[in-house]
Amino acid sequence: PYYVDLNQNLFLQASLHSSDPNLVVFVDTCVASPDPSNFRTLTYELIRSGCVKDPTYSSYYSPYGNVARFAFNAFSFVNRYPSVYLQCELVVCRYNDYSSRCYKGCVSRFKRNAGS
């Protein structure tokens, strides 16, 4: 566990450990939950499909492509839950492959009309 005060900036870093220097990492989705085994019922989205959902979420520059850095303000779920758990999905891509998911940023999925 990592203890922080409410609204304190929480800085995170994800590192890809690989011998291939031509790989980059991208934070696609991060979801918080008060239950470490359930990220579907009571959740809070920080970032989804590369689109920032929480106004306190920020990504930070890293001089290394295999490191993703980001931060957000610590929060609680209605003060009824003593802990908040974070589940993040990261994407690994080839460096300079601009058609890959890592270089697309925020991807909005549009629903199509099921009519004729």
PDB file of N, CA and C in Angstrom:
ATOM      1  N   PRO A   1       0.831  -1.212   0.000  1.00  0.00           N
ATOM      2  CA  PRO A   1       0.000   0.000   0.000  1.00  0.00           C
ATOM      3  C   PRO A   1       0.864   1.260   0.000  1.00  0.00           C
ATOM      4  N   TYR A   2       0.284   2.282  -0.575  1.00  0.00           N
ATOM      5  CA  TYR A   2       0.941   3.581  -0.633  1.00  0.00           C
ATOM      6  C   TYR A   2      -0.045   4.574  -0.057  1.00  0.00           C
ATOM      7  N   TYR A   3       0.336   5.286   0.975  1.00  0.00           N
ATOM      8  CA  TYR A   3      -0.577   6.179   1.672  1.00  0.00           C
ATOM      9  C   TYR A   3      -0.383   7.611   1.214  1.00  0.00           C
ATOM     10  N   VAL A   4      -1.483   8.270   0.857  1.00  0.00           N
ATOM     11  CA  VAL A   4      -1.449   9.671   0.443  1.00  0.00           C
ATOM     12  C   VAL A   4      -2.649  10.387   1.046  1.00  0.00           C
ATOM     13  N   ASP A   5      -2.541  11.697   1.119  1.00  0.00           N
ATOM     14  CA  ASP A   5      -3.662  12.508   1.582  1.00  0.00           C
ATOM     15  C   ASP A   5      -4.582  12.804   0.406  1.00  0.00           C
ATOM     16  N   LEU A   6      -5.835  13.099   0.705  1.00  0.00           N
ATOM     17  CA  LEU A   6      -6.783  13.468  -0.348  1.00  0.00           C
ATOM     18  C   LEU A   6      -6.264  14.679  -1.109  1.00  0.00           C
ATOM     19  N   ASN A   7      -6.455  14.666  -2.410  1.00  0.00           N
ATOM     20  CA  ASN A   7      -6.052  15.731  -3.330  1.00  0.00           C
ATOM     21  C   ASN A   7      -4.539  15.897  -3.462  1.00  0.00           C
ATOM     22  N   GLN A   8      -3.777  15.031  -2.850  1.00  0.00           N
ATOM     23  CA  GLN A   8      -2.336  15.069  -3.032  1.00  0.00           C
ATOM     24  C   GLN A   8      -2.007  14.534  -4.420  1.00  0.00           C
ATOM     25  N   ASN A   9      -1.029  15.129  -5.097  1.00  0.00           N
ATOM     26  CA  ASN A   9      -0.610  14.624  -6.400  1.00  0.00           C
ATOM     27  C   ASN A   9       0.053  13.265  -6.217  1.00  0.00           C
ATOM     28  N   LEU A  10      -0.387  12.330  -7.011  1.00  0.00           N
ATOM     29  CA  LEU A  10       0.162  10.978  -6.991  1.00  0.00           C
ATOM     30  C   LEU A  10       0.865  10.766  -8.324  1.00  0.00           C
ATOM     31  N   PHE A  11       2.175  10.564  -8.299  1.00  0.00           N
ATOM     32  CA  PHE A  11       2.964  10.399  -9.509  1.00  0.00           C
ATOM     33  C   PHE A  11       3.266   8.921  -9.715  1.00  0.00           C
ATOM     34  N   LEU A  12       3.059   8.446 -10.943  1.00  0.00           N
ATOM     35  CA  LEU A  12       3.320   7.046 -11.270  1.00  0.00           C
ATOM     36  C   LEU A  12       4.211   6.953 -12.493  1.00  0.00           C
ATOM     37  N   GLN A  13       4.907   5.837 -12.575  1.00  0.00           N
ATOM     38  CA  GLN A  13       5.763   5.567 -13.722  1.00  0.00           C
ATOM     39  C   GLN A  13       5.674   4.091 -14.046  1.00  0.00           C
ATOM     40  N   ALA A  14       5.493   3.783 -15.318  1.00  0.00           N
ATOM     41  CA  ALA A  14       5.485   2.400 -15.784  1.00  0.00           C
ATOM     42  C   ALA A  14       6.671   2.224 -16.713  1.00  0.00           C
ATOM     43  N   SER A  15       7.437   1.169 -16.477  1.00  0.00           N
ATOM     44  CA  SER A  15       8.631   0.914 -17.276  1.00  0.00           C
ATOM     45  C   SER A  15       8.522  -0.431 -17.969  1.00  0.00           C
ATOM     46  N   LEU A  16       8.923  -0.445 -19.218  1.00  0.00           N
ATOM     47  CA  LEU A  16       8.984  -1.678 -19.995  1.00  0.00           C
ATOM     48  C   LEU A  16      10.416  -2.189 -19.936  1.00  0.00           C
ATOM     49  N   HIS A  17      10.584  -3.388 -19.420  1.00  0.00           N
ATOM     50  CA  HIS A  17      11.915  -3.979 -19.325  1.00  0.00           C
ATOM     51  C   HIS A  17      12.095  -4.952 -20.485  1.00  0.00           C
ATOM     52  N   SER A  18      12.853  -4.516 -21.487  1.00  0.00           N
ATOM     53  CA  SER A  18      13.076  -5.313 -22.684  1.00  0.00           C
ATOM     54  C   SER A  18      14.460  -4.988 -23.232  1.00  0.00           C
ATOM     55  N   SER A  19      15.053  -5.957 -23.883  1.00  0.00           N
ATOM     56  CA  SER A  19      16.355  -5.716 -24.497  1.00  0.00           C
ATOM     57  C   SER A  19      16.218  -5.017 -25.846  1.00  0.00           C
ATOM     58  N   ASP A  20      14.972  -4.872 -26.336  1.00  0.00           N
ATOM     59  CA  ASP A  20      14.724  -4.203 -27.619  1.00  0.00           C
ATOM     60  C   ASP A  20      14.563  -2.699 -27.385  1.00  0.00           C
ATOM     61  N   PRO A  21      15.515  -1.886 -27.835  1.00  0.00           N
ATOM     62  CA  PRO A  21      15.432  -0.437 -27.605  1.00  0.00           C
ATOM     63  C   PRO A  21      14.423   0.263 -28.516  1.00  0.00           C
ATOM     64  N   ASN A  22      13.846  -0.449 -29.464  1.00  0.00           N
ATOM     65  CA  ASN A  22      12.913   0.151 -30.411  1.00  0.00           C
ATOM     66  C   ASN A  22      11.453  -0.040 -30.015  1.00  0.00           C
ATOM     67  N   LEU A  23      11.200  -0.183 -28.723  1.00  0.00           N
ATOM     68  CA  LEU A  23       9.834  -0.319 -28.232  1.00  0.00           C
ATOM     69  C   LEU A  23       9.472   0.889 -27.388  1.00  0.00           C
ATOM     70  N   VAL A  24       8.223   1.323 -27.506  1.00  0.00           N
ATOM     71  CA  VAL A  24       7.710   2.427 -26.685  1.00  0.00           C
ATOM     72  C   VAL A  24       6.466   1.934 -25.956  1.00  0.00           C
ATOM     73  N   VAL A  25       6.153   2.612 -24.860  1.00  0.00           N
ATOM     74  CA  VAL A  25       4.989   2.238 -24.056  1.00  0.00           C
ATOM     75  C   VAL A  25       4.035   3.417 -23.978  1.00  0.00           C
ATOM     76  N   PHE A  26       2.737   3.123 -23.983  1.00  0.00           N
ATOM     77  CA  PHE A  26       1.681   4.128 -24.003  1.00  0.00           C
ATOM     78  C   PHE A  26       0.610   3.752 -22.986  1.00  0.00           C
ATOM     79  N   VAL A  27       0.200   4.716 -22.147  1.00  0.00           N
ATOM     80  CA  VAL A  27      -0.876   4.475 -21.179  1.00  0.00           C
ATOM     81  C   VAL A  27      -2.201   4.615 -21.917  1.00  0.00           C
ATOM     82  N   ASP A  28      -2.909   3.505 -22.068  1.00  0.00           N
ATOM     83  CA  ASP A  28      -4.182   3.501 -22.786  1.00  0.00           C
ATOM     84  C   ASP A  28      -5.354   3.740 -21.845  1.00  0.00           C
ATOM     85  N   THR A  29      -5.426   2.990 -20.751  1.00  0.00           N
ATOM     86  CA  THR A  29      -6.577   3.048 -19.852  1.00  0.00           C
ATOM     87  C   THR A  29      -6.130   2.857 -18.405  1.00  0.00           C
ATOM     88  N   CYS A  30      -6.668   3.678 -17.503  1.00  0.00           N
ATOM     89  CA  CYS A  30      -6.473   3.497 -16.059  1.00  0.00           C
ATOM     90  C   CYS A  30      -7.809   3.702 -15.374  1.00  0.00           C
ATOM     91  N   VAL A  31      -8.206   2.711 -14.601  1.00  0.00           N
ATOM     92  CA  VAL A  31      -9.480   2.727 -13.899  1.00  0.00           C
ATOM     93  C   VAL A  31      -9.221   2.476 -12.423  1.00  0.00           C
ATOM     94  N   ALA A  32      -9.903   3.211 -11.549  1.00  0.00           N
ATOM     95  CA  ALA A  32      -9.781   3.034 -10.110  1.00  0.00           C
ATOM     96  C   ALA A  32     -11.035   2.352  -9.570  1.00  0.00           C
ATOM     97  N   SER A  33     -10.844   1.609  -8.479  1.00  0.00           N
ATOM     98  CA  SER A  33     -11.948   0.901  -7.844  1.00  0.00           C
ATOM     99  C   SER A  33     -11.648   0.743  -6.354  1.00  0.00           C
ATOM    100  N   PRO A  34     -12.685   0.703  -5.509  1.00  0.00           N
ATOM    101  CA  PRO A  34     -12.445   0.416  -4.096  1.00  0.00           C
ATOM    102  C   PRO A  34     -12.277  -1.087  -3.831  1.00  0.00           C
ATOM    103  N   ASP A  35     -12.536  -1.906  -4.841  1.00  0.00           N
ATOM    104  CA  ASP A  35     -12.465  -3.362  -4.719  1.00  0.00           C
ATOM    105  C   ASP A  35     -11.377  -3.892  -5.655  1.00  0.00           C
ATOM    106  N   PRO A  36     -10.307  -4.498  -5.125  1.00  0.00           N
ATOM    107  CA  PRO A  36      -9.208  -4.946  -5.984  1.00  0.00           C
ATOM    108  C   PRO A  36      -9.576  -6.086  -6.934  1.00  0.00           C
ATOM    109  N   SER A  37     -10.718  -6.728  -6.704  1.00  0.00           N
ATOM    110  CA  SER A  37     -11.120  -7.842  -7.564  1.00  0.00           C
ATOM    111  C   SER A  37     -12.292  -7.495  -8.478  1.00  0.00           C
ATOM    112  N   ASN A  38     -12.730  -6.227  -8.458  1.00  0.00           N
ATOM    113  CA  ASN A  38     -13.872  -5.840  -9.289  1.00  0.00           C
ATOM    114  C   ASN A  38     -13.639  -4.443  -9.859  1.00  0.00           C
ATOM    115  N   PHE A  39     -13.299  -4.392 -11.139  1.00  0.00           N
ATOM    116  CA  PHE A  39     -13.104  -3.112 -11.820  1.00  0.00           C
ATOM    117  C   PHE A  39     -14.226  -2.851 -12.814  1.00  0.00           C
ATOM    118  N   ARG A  40     -15.449  -3.335 -12.487  1.00  0.00           N
ATOM    119  CA  ARG A  40     -16.604  -3.139 -13.368  1.00  0.00           C
ATOM    120  C   ARG A  40     -17.781  -2.456 -12.677  1.00  0.00           C
ATOM    121  N   THR A  41     -17.971  -2.708 -11.393  1.00  0.00           N
ATOM    122  CA  THR A  41     -19.170  -2.207 -10.717  1.00  0.00           C
ATOM    123  C   THR A  41     -19.027  -0.749 -10.292  1.00  0.00           C
ATOM    124  N   LEU A  42     -18.247  -0.502  -9.258  1.00  0.00           N
ATOM    125  CA  LEU A  42     -18.024   0.855  -8.771  1.00  0.00           C
ATOM    126  C   LEU A  42     -16.625   1.272  -9.200  1.00  0.00           C
ATOM    127  N   THR A  43     -16.544   2.076 -10.248  1.00  0.00           N
ATOM    128  CA  THR A  43     -15.244   2.457 -10.792  1.00  0.00           C
ATOM    129  C   THR A  43     -15.180   3.950 -11.076  1.00  0.00           C
ATOM    130  N   TYR A  44     -13.980   4.413 -11.270  1.00  0.00           N
ATOM    131  CA  TYR A  44     -13.742   5.789 -11.666  1.00  0.00           C
ATOM    132  C   TYR A  44     -12.657   5.764 -12.729  1.00  0.00           C
ATOM    133  N   GLU A  45     -12.950   6.327 -13.887  1.00  0.00           N
ATOM    134  CA  GLU A  45     -12.003   6.321 -14.998  1.00  0.00           C
ATOM    135  C   GLU A  45     -11.085   7.537 -14.937  1.00  0.00           C
ATOM    136  N   LEU A  46      -9.800   7.288 -15.014  1.00  0.00           N
ATOM    137  CA  LEU A  46      -8.822   8.365 -15.110  1.00  0.00           C
ATOM    138  C   LEU A  46      -8.505   8.654 -16.566  1.00  0.00           C
ATOM    139  N   ILE A  47      -8.334   7.580 -17.337  1.00  0.00           N
ATOM    140  CA  ILE A  47      -8.068   7.681 -18.770  1.00  0.00           C
ATOM    141  C   ILE A  47      -8.636   6.427 -19.425  1.00  0.00           C
ATOM    142  N   ARG A  48      -9.293   6.590 -20.578  1.00  0.00           N
ATOM    143  CA  ARG A  48      -9.907   5.457 -21.287  1.00  0.00           C
ATOM    144  C   ARG A  48      -9.602   5.607 -22.767  1.00  0.00           C
ATOM    145  N   SER A  49      -9.017   4.592 -23.367  1.00  0.00           N
ATOM    146  CA  SER A  49      -8.643   4.602 -24.795  1.00  0.00           C
ATOM    147  C   SER A  49      -7.797   5.823 -25.152  1.00  0.00           C
ATOM    148  N   GLY A  50      -6.915   6.193 -24.216  1.00  0.00           N
ATOM    149  CA  GLY A  50      -6.039   7.338 -24.443  1.00  0.00           C
ATOM    150  C   GLY A  50      -6.702   8.681 -24.214  1.00  0.00           C
ATOM    151  N   CYS A  51      -7.990   8.701 -23.881  1.00  0.00           N
ATOM    152  CA  CYS A  51      -8.728   9.946 -23.651  1.00  0.00           C
ATOM    153  C   CYS A  51      -8.802  10.229 -22.157  1.00  0.00           C
ATOM    154  N   VAL A  52      -8.312  11.380 -21.745  1.00  0.00           N
ATOM    155  CA  VAL A  52      -8.304  11.754 -20.336  1.00  0.00           C
ATOM    156  C   VAL A  52      -9.736  11.987 -19.861  1.00  0.00           C
ATOM    157  N   LYS A  53     -10.107  11.324 -18.767  1.00  0.00           N
ATOM    158  CA  LYS A  53     -11.453  11.446 -18.193  1.00  0.00           C
ATOM    159  C   LYS A  53     -11.453  12.243 -16.897  1.00  0.00           C
ATOM    160  N   ASP A  54     -10.330  12.283 -16.207  1.00  0.00           N
ATOM    161  CA  ASP A  54     -10.221  13.004 -14.942  1.00  0.00           C
ATOM    162  C   ASP A  54      -9.445  14.294 -15.168  1.00  0.00           C
ATOM    163  N   PRO A  55      -9.983  15.440 -14.736  1.00  0.00           N
ATOM    164  CA  PRO A  55      -9.310  16.715 -15.009  1.00  0.00           C
ATOM    165  C   PRO A  55      -7.965  16.874 -14.311  1.00  0.00           C
ATOM    166  N   THR A  56      -7.688  16.048 -13.298  1.00  0.00           N
ATOM    167  CA  THR A  56      -6.401  16.159 -12.606  1.00  0.00           C
ATOM    168  C   THR A  56      -5.341  15.250 -13.213  1.00  0.00           C
ATOM    169  N   TYR A  57      -5.723  14.409 -14.173  1.00  0.00           N
ATOM    170  CA  TYR A  57      -4.774  13.489 -14.808  1.00  0.00           C
ATOM    171  C   TYR A  57      -3.845  14.265 -15.741  1.00  0.00           C
ATOM    172  N   SER A  58      -2.566  13.971 -15.641  1.00  0.00           N
ATOM    173  CA  SER A  58      -1.572  14.586 -16.527  1.00  0.00           C
ATOM    174  C   SER A  58      -0.546  13.543 -16.909  1.00  0.00           C
ATOM    175  N   SER A  59      -0.139  13.566 -18.166  1.00  0.00           N
ATOM    176  CA  SER A  59       0.980  12.716 -18.557  1.00  0.00           C
ATOM    177  C   SER A  59       2.222  13.597 -18.571  1.00  0.00           C
ATOM    178  N   TYR A  60       3.358  13.000 -18.285  1.00  0.00           N
ATOM    179  CA  TYR A  60       4.604  13.736 -18.188  1.00  0.00           C
ATOM    180  C   TYR A  60       5.618  13.202 -19.184  1.00  0.00           C
ATOM    181  N   TYR A  61       6.460  14.105 -19.633  1.00  0.00           N
ATOM    182  CA  TYR A  61       7.508  13.750 -20.578  1.00  0.00           C
ATOM    183  C   TYR A  61       8.492  12.774 -19.937  1.00  0.00           C
ATOM    184  N   SER A  62       8.914  11.803 -20.710  1.00  0.00           N
ATOM    185  CA  SER A  62       9.984  10.906 -20.302  1.00  0.00           C
ATOM    186  C   SER A  62      11.018  10.892 -21.423  1.00  0.00           C
ATOM    187  N   PRO A  63      12.293  10.988 -21.092  1.00  0.00           N
ATOM    188  CA  PRO A  63      13.316  10.946 -22.137  1.00  0.00           C
ATOM    189  C   PRO A  63      13.474   9.547 -22.733  1.00  0.00           C
ATOM    190  N   TYR A  64      12.819   8.580 -22.135  1.00  0.00           N
ATOM    191  CA  TYR A  64      12.917   7.193 -22.592  1.00  0.00           C
ATOM    192  C   TYR A  64      11.568   6.710 -23.105  1.00  0.00           C
ATOM    193  N   GLY A  65      11.537   6.126 -24.285  1.00  0.00           N
ATOM    194  CA  GLY A  65      10.290   5.636 -24.860  1.00  0.00           C
ATOM    195  C   GLY A  65       9.707   4.451 -24.108  1.00  0.00           C
ATOM    196  N   ASN A  66      10.562   3.744 -23.367  1.00  0.00           N
ATOM    197  CA  ASN A  66      10.074   2.568 -22.647  1.00  0.00           C
ATOM    198  C   ASN A  66       9.559   2.912 -21.243  1.00  0.00           C
ATOM    199  N   VAL A  67       9.385   4.215 -20.971  1.00  0.00           N
ATOM    200  CA  VAL A  67       8.886   4.669 -19.678  1.00  0.00           C
ATOM    201  C   VAL A  67       7.713   5.614 -19.909  1.00  0.00           C
ATOM    202  N   ALA A  68       6.588   5.343 -19.227  1.00  0.00           N
ATOM    203  CA  ALA A  68       5.423   6.228 -19.269  1.00  0.00           C
ATOM    204  C   ALA A  68       5.260   6.842 -17.890  1.00  0.00           C
ATOM    205  N   ARG A  69       5.088   8.152 -17.832  1.00  0.00           N
ATOM    206  CA  ARG A  69       4.926   8.862 -16.558  1.00  0.00           C
ATOM    207  C   ARG A  69       3.606   9.613 -16.567  1.00  0.00           C
ATOM    208  N   PHE A  70       2.889   9.517 -15.441  1.00  0.00           N
ATOM    209  CA  PHE A  70       1.629  10.235 -15.328  1.00  0.00           C
ATOM    210  C   PHE A  70       1.311  10.499 -13.865  1.00  0.00           C
ATOM    211  N   ALA A  71       0.332  11.371 -13.631  1.00  0.00           N
ATOM    212  CA  ALA A  71      -0.041  11.748 -12.272  1.00  0.00           C
ATOM    213  C   ALA A  71      -1.519  12.095 -12.226  1.00  0.00           C
ATOM    214  N   PHE A  72      -2.081  12.052 -11.031  1.00  0.00           N
ATOM    215  CA  PHE A  72      -3.449  12.498 -10.786  1.00  0.00           C
ATOM    216  C   PHE A  72      -3.586  12.810  -9.310  1.00  0.00           C
ATOM    217  N   ASN A  73      -4.652  13.512  -8.938  1.00  0.00           N
ATOM    218  CA  ASN A  73      -4.900  13.838  -7.534  1.00  0.00           C
ATOM    219  C   ASN A  73      -5.550  12.653  -6.843  1.00  0.00           C
ATOM    220  N   ALA A  74      -5.054  12.335  -5.656  1.00  0.00           N
ATOM    221  CA  ALA A  74      -5.612  11.235  -4.876  1.00  0.00           C
ATOM    222  C   ALA A  74      -7.052  11.564  -4.478  1.00  0.00           C
ATOM    223  N   PHE A  75      -7.888  10.546  -4.468  1.00  0.00           N
ATOM    224  CA  PHE A  75      -9.304  10.724  -4.148  1.00  0.00           C
ATOM    225  C   PHE A  75      -9.800   9.496  -3.397  1.00  0.00           C
ATOM    226  N   SER A  76     -11.018   9.595  -2.871  1.00  0.00           N
ATOM    227  CA  SER A  76     -11.632   8.448  -2.203  1.00  0.00           C
ATOM    228  C   SER A  76     -13.006   8.207  -2.809  1.00  0.00           C
ATOM    229  N   PHE A  77     -13.543   7.033  -2.603  1.00  0.00           N
ATOM    230  CA  PHE A  77     -14.880   6.704  -3.064  1.00  0.00           C
ATOM    231  C   PHE A  77     -15.854   7.000  -1.927  1.00  0.00           C
ATOM    232  N   VAL A  78     -16.384   8.199  -1.886  1.00  0.00           N
ATOM    233  CA  VAL A  78     -17.427   8.641  -0.948  1.00  0.00           C
ATOM    234  C   VAL A  78     -17.047   8.369   0.517  1.00  0.00           C
ATOM    235  N   ASN A  79     -15.777   8.384   0.831  1.00  0.00           N
ATOM    236  CA  ASN A  79     -15.277   8.194   2.195  1.00  0.00           C
ATOM    237  C   ASN A  79     -15.745   6.913   2.880  1.00  0.00           C
ATOM    238  N   ARG A  80     -16.343   6.002   2.144  1.00  0.00           N
ATOM    239  CA  ARG A  80     -16.795   4.744   2.737  1.00  0.00           C
ATOM    240  C   ARG A  80     -15.781   3.628   2.537  1.00  0.00           C
ATOM    241  N   TYR A  81     -14.818   3.838   1.694  1.00  0.00           N
ATOM    242  CA  TYR A  81     -13.838   2.802   1.373  1.00  0.00           C
ATOM    243  C   TYR A  81     -12.448   3.296   1.755  1.00  0.00           C
ATOM    244  N   PRO A  82     -11.723   2.518   2.545  1.00  0.00           N
ATOM    245  CA  PRO A  82     -10.417   2.987   3.017  1.00  0.00           C
ATOM    246  C   PRO A  82      -9.320   2.966   1.954  1.00  0.00           C
ATOM    247  N   SER A  83      -9.521   2.216   0.872  1.00  0.00           N
ATOM    248  CA  SER A  83      -8.478   2.086  -0.145  1.00  0.00           C
ATOM    249  C   SER A  83      -9.036   2.301  -1.544  1.00  0.00           C
ATOM    250  N   VAL A  84      -8.157   2.719  -2.424  1.00  0.00           N
ATOM    251  CA  VAL A  84      -8.475   2.842  -3.843  1.00  0.00           C
ATOM    252  C   VAL A  84      -7.436   2.031  -4.605  1.00  0.00           C
ATOM    253  N   TYR A  85      -7.906   1.177  -5.499  1.00  0.00           N
ATOM    254  CA  TYR A  85      -7.016   0.331  -6.294  1.00  0.00           C
ATOM    255  C   TYR A  85      -7.022   0.823  -7.732  1.00  0.00           C
ATOM    256  N   LEU A  86      -5.892   0.709  -8.376  1.00  0.00           N
ATOM    257  CA  LEU A  86      -5.725   1.212  -9.734  1.00  0.00           C
ATOM    258  C   LEU A  86      -5.372   0.062 -10.664  1.00  0.00           C
ATOM    259  N   GLN A  87      -6.061   0.003 -11.803  1.00  0.00           N
ATOM    260  CA  GLN A  87      -5.758  -0.985 -12.833  1.00  0.00           C
ATOM    261  C   GLN A  87      -5.521  -0.229 -14.136  1.00  0.00           C
ATOM    262  N   CYS A  88      -4.340  -0.418 -14.710  1.00  0.00           N
ATOM    263  CA  CYS A  88      -3.983   0.297 -15.938  1.00  0.00           C
ATOM    264  C   CYS A  88      -3.657  -0.686 -17.052  1.00  0.00           C
ATOM    265  N   GLU A  89      -4.021  -0.293 -18.258  1.00  0.00           N
ATOM    266  CA  GLU A  89      -3.668  -1.053 -19.452  1.00  0.00           C
ATOM    267  C   GLU A  89      -2.700  -0.205 -20.255  1.00  0.00           C
ATOM    268  N   LEU A  90      -1.564  -0.799 -20.575  1.00  0.00           N
ATOM    269  CA  LEU A  90      -0.552  -0.109 -21.361  1.00  0.00           C
ATOM    270  C   LEU A  90      -0.359  -0.838 -22.673  1.00  0.00           C
ATOM    271  N   VAL A  91       0.053  -0.109 -23.677  1.00  0.00           N
ATOM    272  CA  VAL A  91       0.269  -0.672 -25.008  1.00  0.00           C
ATOM    273  C   VAL A  91       1.748  -0.531 -25.341  1.00  0.00           C
ATOM    274  N   VAL A  92       2.305  -1.565 -25.928  1.00  0.00           N
ATOM    275  CA  VAL A  92       3.701  -1.540 -26.365  1.00  0.00           C
ATOM    276  C   VAL A  92       3.723  -1.539 -27.888  1.00  0.00           C
ATOM    277  N   CYS A  93       4.486  -0.616 -28.452  1.00  0.00           N
ATOM    278  CA  CYS A  93       4.541  -0.462 -29.915  1.00  0.00           C
ATOM    279  C   CYS A  93       5.991  -0.306 -30.367  1.00  0.00           C
ATOM    280  N   ARG A  94       6.175  -0.409 -31.665  1.00  0.00           N
ATOM    281  CA  ARG A  94       7.482  -0.139 -32.272  1.00  0.00           C
ATOM    282  C   ARG A  94       7.712   1.366 -32.318  1.00  0.00           C
ATOM    283  N   TYR A  95       8.916   1.769 -32.002  1.00  0.00           N
ATOM    284  CA  TYR A  95       9.307   3.172 -32.080  1.00  0.00           C
ATOM    285  C   TYR A  95       9.141   3.671 -33.517  1.00  0.00           C
ATOM    286  N   ASN A  96       8.553   4.841 -33.680  1.00  0.00           N
ATOM    287  CA  ASN A  96       8.315   5.503 -34.961  1.00  0.00           C
ATOM    288  C   ASN A  96       7.321   4.785 -35.873  1.00  0.00           C
ATOM    289  N   ASP A  97       6.533   3.858 -35.356  1.00  0.00           N
ATOM    290  CA  ASP A  97       5.451   3.249 -36.140  1.00  0.00           C
ATOM    291  C   ASP A  97       4.203   4.093 -35.908  1.00  0.00           C
ATOM    292  N   TYR A  98       4.072   5.128 -36.718  1.00  0.00           N
ATOM    293  CA  TYR A  98       3.023   6.122 -36.503  1.00  0.00           C
ATOM    294  C   TYR A  98       1.622   5.607 -36.794  1.00  0.00           C
ATOM    295  N   SER A  99       1.500   4.410 -37.345  1.00  0.00           N
ATOM    296  CA  SER A  99       0.177   3.814 -37.547  1.00  0.00           C
ATOM    297  C   SER A  99      -0.225   2.964 -36.336  1.00  0.00           C
ATOM    298  N   SER A 100       0.670   2.817 -35.369  1.00  0.00           N
ATOM    299  CA  SER A 100       0.386   1.980 -34.200  1.00  0.00           C
ATOM    300  C   SER A 100      -0.481   2.718 -33.180  1.00  0.00           C
ATOM    301  N   ARG A 101      -1.026   1.978 -32.250  1.00  0.00           N
ATOM    302  CA  ARG A 101      -1.901   2.530 -31.213  1.00  0.00           C
ATOM    303  C   ARG A 101      -1.179   3.579 -30.360  1.00  0.00           C
ATOM    304  N   CYS A 102       0.087   3.416 -30.123  1.00  0.00           N
ATOM    305  CA  CYS A 102       0.843   4.335 -29.272  1.00  0.00           C
ATOM    306  C   CYS A 102       0.872   5.763 -29.803  1.00  0.00           C
ATOM    307  N   TYR A 103       0.789   5.922 -31.094  1.00  0.00           N
ATOM    308  CA  TYR A 103       0.902   7.248 -31.696  1.00  0.00           C
ATOM    309  C   TYR A 103      -0.441   7.877 -32.043  1.00  0.00           C
ATOM    310  N   LYS A 104      -1.541   7.171 -31.793  1.00  0.00           N
ATOM    311  CA  LYS A 104      -2.867   7.699 -32.137  1.00  0.00           C
ATOM    312  C   LYS A 104      -3.451   8.582 -31.045  1.00  0.00           C
ATOM    313  N   GLY A 105      -2.974   8.457 -29.804  1.00  0.00           N
ATOM    314  CA  GLY A 105      -3.493   9.277 -28.712  1.00  0.00           C
ATOM    315  C   GLY A 105      -4.918   8.884 -28.355  1.00  0.00           C
ATOM    316  N   CYS A 106      -5.773   9.876 -28.152  1.00  0.00           N
ATOM    317  CA  CYS A 106      -7.162   9.639 -27.763  1.00  0.00           C
ATOM    318  C   CYS A 106      -7.944   9.050 -28.930  1.00  0.00           C
ATOM    319  N   VAL A 107      -8.560   7.895 -28.687  1.00  0.00           N
ATOM    320  CA  VAL A 107      -9.358   7.243 -29.720  1.00  0.00           C
ATOM    321  C   VAL A 107     -10.800   7.176 -29.245  1.00  0.00           C
ATOM    322  N   SER A 108     -11.661   7.963 -29.881  1.00  0.00           N
ATOM    323  CA  SER A 108     -13.086   7.942 -29.548  1.00  0.00           C
ATOM    324  C   SER A 108     -13.764   6.898 -30.437  1.00  0.00           C
ATOM    325  N   ARG A 109     -14.559   6.101 -29.814  1.00  0.00           N
ATOM    326  CA  ARG A 109     -15.298   5.101 -30.582  1.00  0.00           C
ATOM    327  C   ARG A 109     -16.716   5.604 -30.798  1.00  0.00           C
ATOM    328  N   PHE A 110     -17.085   5.732 -32.045  1.00  0.00           N
ATOM    329  CA  PHE A 110     -18.411   6.228 -32.372  1.00  0.00           C
ATOM    330  C   PHE A 110     -19.348   5.053 -32.608  1.00  0.00           C
ATOM    331  N   LYS A 111     -20.572   5.194 -32.128  1.00  0.00           N
ATOM    332  CA  LYS A 111     -21.568   4.149 -32.366  1.00  0.00           C
ATOM    333  C   LYS A 111     -22.248   4.423 -33.686  1.00  0.00           C
ATOM    334  N   ARG A 112     -22.481   3.333 -34.424  1.00  0.00           N
ATOM    335  CA  ARG A 112     -23.149   3.463 -35.708  1.00  0.00           C
ATOM    336  C   ARG A 112     -24.647   3.221 -35.562  1.00  0.00           C
ATOM    337  N   ASN A 113     -25.397   3.819 -36.422  1.00  0.00           N
ATOM    338  CA  ASN A 113     -26.842   3.625 -36.436  1.00  0.00           C
ATOM    339  C   ASN A 113     -27.118   2.204 -36.929  1.00  0.00           C
ATOM    340  N   ALA A 114     -27.914   1.460 -36.172  1.00  0.00           N
ATOM    341  CA  ALA A 114     -28.228   0.071 -36.556  1.00  0.00           C
ATOM    342  C   ALA A 114     -29.406   0.001 -37.511  1.00  0.00           C
ATOM    343  N   GLY A 115     -29.921   1.155 -37.938  1.00  0.00           N
ATOM    344  CA  GLY A 115     -31.044   1.187 -38.863  1.00  0.00           C
ATOM    345  C   GLY A 115     -30.669   0.638 -40.240  1.00  0.00           C
ATOM    346  N   SER A 116     -31.467   0.891 -41.225  1.00  0.00           N
ATOM    347  CA  SER A 116     -31.270   0.353 -42.557  1.00  0.00           C
ATOM    348  C   SER A 116     -29.880   0.614 -43.063  1.00  0.00           C
TER     349      SER A 116
END
